[in-house]
Amino acid sequence: MVVGLGGLNLFGVIILRSLLKDPTVAQVGFIKFIISIFPLLQIYAVSFFVIPLFRWCVLLKKNADIEKRNQARRQFARDIELPDLSLRQKLLSARNMAQRTVIGQDRIVYSSRKDLVEQELDRTDRQVR
């Protein structure tokens, strides 16, 4: 229905243009007003189709980019699920390193529980011992 309305509008602008070319019709007062706004009517009739067409093209590009990104993500997921030998070794090594790293009180450099001056004093006390 919207396309039909736009087509009717475009058809009406074409018919109006042919009517306005007749010099006898152009002499009437209301027609002078129509002649003055006729370029706006033409722009509206054309943009009624051009703007949605442009938006459709932009959405096609955007959807193609999204699909490309999703395919890359699916491929990465497949690579993680069935890793080759070198990737499997890297994953196991990363897992082992993550399990071995434990940060205790002796490795904390700064805490927000105490003032910085107090922490400096505690650190120098630990170093003296």
C-alpha atoms as a PDB file:
ATOM      1  CA  MET A   1       0.000   0.000   0.000  1.00  0.00           C
ATOM      2  CA  VAL A   2       2.880   2.357   0.779  1.00  0.00           C
ATOM      3  CA  VAL A   3       4.542   1.643  -2.559  1.00  0.00           C
ATOM      4  CA  GLY A   4       1.192   2.254  -4.273  1.00  0.00           C
ATOM      5  CA  LEU A   5       0.857   5.586  -2.482  1.00  0.00           C
ATOM      6  CA  GLY A   6       4.397   6.562  -3.479  1.00  0.00           C
ATOM      7  CA  GLY A   7       3.720   5.509  -7.077  1.00  0.00           C
ATOM      8  CA  LEU A   8       0.490   7.514  -7.110  1.00  0.00           C
ATOM      9  CA  ASN A   9       2.388  10.517  -5.741  1.00  0.00           C
ATOM     10  CA  LEU A  10       5.081  10.180  -8.419  1.00  0.00           C
ATOM     11  CA  PHE A  11       2.443   9.752 -11.124  1.00  0.00           C
ATOM     12  CA  GLY A  12       0.621  12.833  -9.823  1.00  0.00           C
ATOM     13  CA  VAL A  13       3.811  14.914  -9.989  1.00  0.00           C
ATOM     14  CA  ILE A  14       4.387  13.788 -13.596  1.00  0.00           C
ATOM     15  CA  ILE A  15       0.806  14.676 -14.573  1.00  0.00           C
ATOM     16  CA  LEU A  16       1.030  18.002 -12.729  1.00  0.00           C
ATOM     17  CA  ARG A  17       4.233  18.871 -14.586  1.00  0.00           C
ATOM     18  CA  SER A  18       2.544  18.284 -17.934  1.00  0.00           C
ATOM     19  CA  LEU A  19      -0.446  20.416 -16.837  1.00  0.00           C
ATOM     20  CA  LEU A  20       1.769  23.265 -15.630  1.00  0.00           C
ATOM     21  CA  LYS A  21       3.461  23.515 -19.027  1.00  0.00           C
ATOM     22  CA  ASP A  22       0.175  24.881 -20.454  1.00  0.00           C
ATOM     23  CA  PRO A  23       0.454  28.703 -20.255  1.00  0.00           C
ATOM     24  CA  THR A  24      -3.310  29.231 -19.898  1.00  0.00           C
ATOM     25  CA  VAL A  25      -3.426  27.146 -16.704  1.00  0.00           C
ATOM     26  CA  ALA A  26      -0.409  28.924 -15.197  1.00  0.00           C
ATOM     27  CA  GLN A  27      -2.302  32.243 -14.971  1.00  0.00           C
ATOM     28  CA  VAL A  28      -4.653  31.197 -12.140  1.00  0.00           C
ATOM     29  CA  GLY A  29      -3.671  32.381  -8.586  1.00  0.00           C
ATOM     30  CA  PHE A  30      -3.650  28.986  -6.848  1.00  0.00           C
ATOM     31  CA  ILE A  31      -1.671  27.456  -9.695  1.00  0.00           C
ATOM     32  CA  LYS A  32       1.042  30.091  -9.191  1.00  0.00           C
ATOM     33  CA  PHE A  33       1.439  28.781  -5.653  1.00  0.00           C
ATOM     34  CA  ILE A  34       1.611  25.200  -6.935  1.00  0.00           C
ATOM     35  CA  ILE A  35       4.277  26.250  -9.477  1.00  0.00           C
ATOM     36  CA  SER A  36       6.323  27.810  -6.680  1.00  0.00           C
ATOM     37  CA  ILE A  37       6.300  24.634  -4.555  1.00  0.00           C
ATOM     38  CA  PHE A  38       6.532  22.218  -7.498  1.00  0.00           C
ATOM     39  CA  PRO A  39      10.300  21.557  -7.037  1.00  0.00           C
ATOM     40  CA  LEU A  40       9.586  20.506  -3.440  1.00  0.00           C
ATOM     41  CA  LEU A  41       6.862  18.151  -4.633  1.00  0.00           C
ATOM     42  CA  GLN A  42       9.292  16.602  -7.102  1.00  0.00           C
ATOM     43  CA  ILE A  43      11.964  16.170  -4.428  1.00  0.00           C
ATOM     44  CA  TYR A  44       9.420  14.571  -2.082  1.00  0.00           C
ATOM     45  CA  ALA A  45       8.155  12.171  -4.772  1.00  0.00           C
ATOM     46  CA  VAL A  46      11.662  11.016  -5.668  1.00  0.00           C
ATOM     47  CA  SER A  47      12.982  10.841  -2.099  1.00  0.00           C
ATOM     48  CA  PHE A  48       9.978   8.713  -1.139  1.00  0.00           C
ATOM     49  CA  PHE A  49      11.699   5.893  -3.042  1.00  0.00           C
ATOM     50  CA  VAL A  50      15.382   6.898  -2.880  1.00  0.00           C
ATOM     51  CA  ILE A  51      15.719   7.117   0.910  1.00  0.00           C
ATOM     52  CA  PRO A  52      14.344   3.609   1.622  1.00  0.00           C
ATOM     53  CA  LEU A  53      16.418   2.214  -1.258  1.00  0.00           C
ATOM     54  CA  PHE A  54      19.579   3.783   0.175  1.00  0.00           C
ATOM     55  CA  ARG A  55      18.720   2.492   3.662  1.00  0.00           C
ATOM     56  CA  TRP A  56      18.135  -0.997   2.257  1.00  0.00           C
ATOM     57  CA  CYS A  57      21.582  -0.964   0.602  1.00  0.00           C
ATOM     58  CA  VAL A  58      23.245   0.178   3.836  1.00  0.00           C
ATOM     59  CA  LEU A  59      21.458  -2.576   5.786  1.00  0.00           C
ATOM     60  CA  LEU A  60      22.545  -5.190   3.236  1.00  0.00           C
ATOM     61  CA  LYS A  61      26.176  -4.133   3.712  1.00  0.00           C
ATOM     62  CA  LYS A  62      25.854  -4.055   7.489  1.00  0.00           C
ATOM     63  CA  ASN A  63      24.217  -7.508   7.582  1.00  0.00           C
ATOM     64  CA  ALA A  64      26.934  -8.920   5.300  1.00  0.00           C
ATOM     65  CA  ASP A  65      29.600  -7.563   7.671  1.00  0.00           C
ATOM     66  CA  ILE A  66      27.793  -9.080  10.660  1.00  0.00           C
ATOM     67  CA  GLU A  67      27.531 -12.447   8.903  1.00  0.00           C
ATOM     68  CA  LYS A  68      31.239 -12.336   8.037  1.00  0.00           C
ATOM     69  CA  ARG A  69      32.118 -11.595  11.675  1.00  0.00           C
ATOM     70  CA  ASN A  70      29.826 -14.387  12.899  1.00  0.00           C
ATOM     71  CA  GLN A  71      31.434 -16.890  10.529  1.00  0.00           C
ATOM     72  CA  ALA A  72      34.881 -15.925  11.831  1.00  0.00           C
ATOM     73  CA  ARG A  73      33.647 -16.428  15.404  1.00  0.00           C
ATOM     74  CA  ARG A  74      32.204 -19.841  14.513  1.00  0.00           C
ATOM     75  CA  GLN A  75      35.530 -20.814  12.967  1.00  0.00           C
ATOM     76  CA  PHE A  76      37.395 -19.710  16.093  1.00  0.00           C
ATOM     77  CA  ALA A  77      34.982 -21.729  18.232  1.00  0.00           C
ATOM     78  CA  ARG A  78      35.576 -24.823  16.054  1.00  0.00           C
ATOM     79  CA  ASP A  79      39.337 -24.297  16.331  1.00  0.00           C
ATOM     80  CA  ILE A  80      39.083 -24.194  20.132  1.00  0.00           C
ATOM     81  CA  GLU A  81      36.814 -27.259  20.297  1.00  0.00           C
ATOM     82  CA  LEU A  82      39.125 -29.352  18.115  1.00  0.00           C
ATOM     83  CA  PRO A  83      42.574 -27.775  18.525  1.00  0.00           C
ATOM     84  CA  ASP A  84      45.604 -28.972  16.591  1.00  0.00           C
ATOM     85  CA  LEU A  85      48.662 -30.197  18.475  1.00  0.00           C
ATOM     86  CA  SER A  86      50.442 -26.841  18.898  1.00  0.00           C
ATOM     87  CA  LEU A  87      47.267 -25.048  20.037  1.00  0.00           C
ATOM     88  CA  ARG A  88      46.464 -27.873  22.454  1.00  0.00           C
ATOM     89  CA  GLN A  89      49.944 -27.532  23.999  1.00  0.00           C
ATOM     90  CA  LYS A  90      49.533 -23.772  24.335  1.00  0.00           C
ATOM     91  CA  LEU A  91      46.132 -24.158  25.995  1.00  0.00           C
ATOM     92  CA  LEU A  92      47.470 -26.744  28.460  1.00  0.00           C
ATOM     93  CA  SER A  93      50.471 -24.543  29.246  1.00  0.00           C
ATOM     94  CA  ALA A  94      48.200 -21.532  29.864  1.00  0.00           C
ATOM     95  CA  ARG A  95      45.958 -23.628  32.112  1.00  0.00           C
ATOM     96  CA  ASN A  96      48.940 -24.868  34.133  1.00  0.00           C
ATOM     97  CA  MET A  97      50.360 -21.369  34.561  1.00  0.00           C
ATOM     98  CA  ALA A  98      46.991 -20.055  35.695  1.00  0.00           C
ATOM     99  CA  GLN A  99      46.734 -22.765  38.342  1.00  0.00           C
ATOM    100  CA  ARG A 100      50.255 -22.225  39.653  1.00  0.00           C
ATOM    101  CA  THR A 101      50.060 -18.467  40.170  1.00  0.00           C
ATOM    102  CA  VAL A 102      48.867 -17.712  43.689  1.00  0.00           C
ATOM    103  CA  ILE A 103      49.116 -14.207  45.010  1.00  0.00           C
ATOM    104  CA  GLY A 104      49.595 -14.216  48.736  1.00  0.00           C
ATOM    105  CA  GLN A 105      50.134 -11.455  51.301  1.00  0.00           C
ATOM    106  CA  ASP A 106      53.861 -11.496  50.604  1.00  0.00           C
ATOM    107  CA  ARG A 107      53.312 -10.625  46.914  1.00  0.00           C
ATOM    108  CA  ILE A 108      50.841  -7.750  47.407  1.00  0.00           C
ATOM    109  CA  VAL A 109      52.490  -4.420  46.630  1.00  0.00           C
ATOM    110  CA  TYR A 110      49.636  -2.052  47.450  1.00  0.00           C
ATOM    111  CA  SER A 111      46.347  -2.371  49.279  1.00  0.00           C
ATOM    112  CA  SER A 112      43.621   0.167  49.846  1.00  0.00           C
ATOM    113  CA  ARG A 113      42.998  -1.102  53.365  1.00  0.00           C
ATOM    114  CA  LYS A 114      45.895   0.882  54.807  1.00  0.00           C
ATOM    115  CA  ASP A 115      47.417   4.249  54.131  1.00  0.00           C
ATOM    116  CA  LEU A 116      50.444   4.282  51.831  1.00  0.00           C
ATOM    117  CA  VAL A 117      52.760   5.396  54.664  1.00  0.00           C
ATOM    118  CA  GLU A 118      51.642   2.463  56.850  1.00  0.00           C
ATOM    119  CA  GLN A 119      52.236   0.057  53.981  1.00  0.00           C
ATOM    120  CA  GLU A 120      55.739   1.453  53.464  1.00  0.00           C
ATOM    121  CA  LEU A 121      56.487   0.942  57.153  1.00  0.00           C
ATOM    122  CA  ASP A 122      55.162  -2.639  57.029  1.00  0.00           C
ATOM    123  CA  ARG A 123      57.245  -3.384  53.958  1.00  0.00           C
ATOM    124  CA  THR A 124      60.451  -2.059  55.559  1.00  0.00           C
ATOM    125  CA  ASP A 125      59.671  -4.078  58.714  1.00  0.00           C
ATOM    126  CA  ARG A 126      59.336  -7.262  56.636  1.00  0.00           C
ATOM    127  CA  GLN A 127      62.603  -6.541  54.827  1.00  0.00           C
ATOM    128  CA  VAL A 128      64.483  -6.020  58.108  1.00  0.00           C
ATOM    129  CA  ARG A 129      63.324  -9.356  59.499  1.00  0.00           C
END
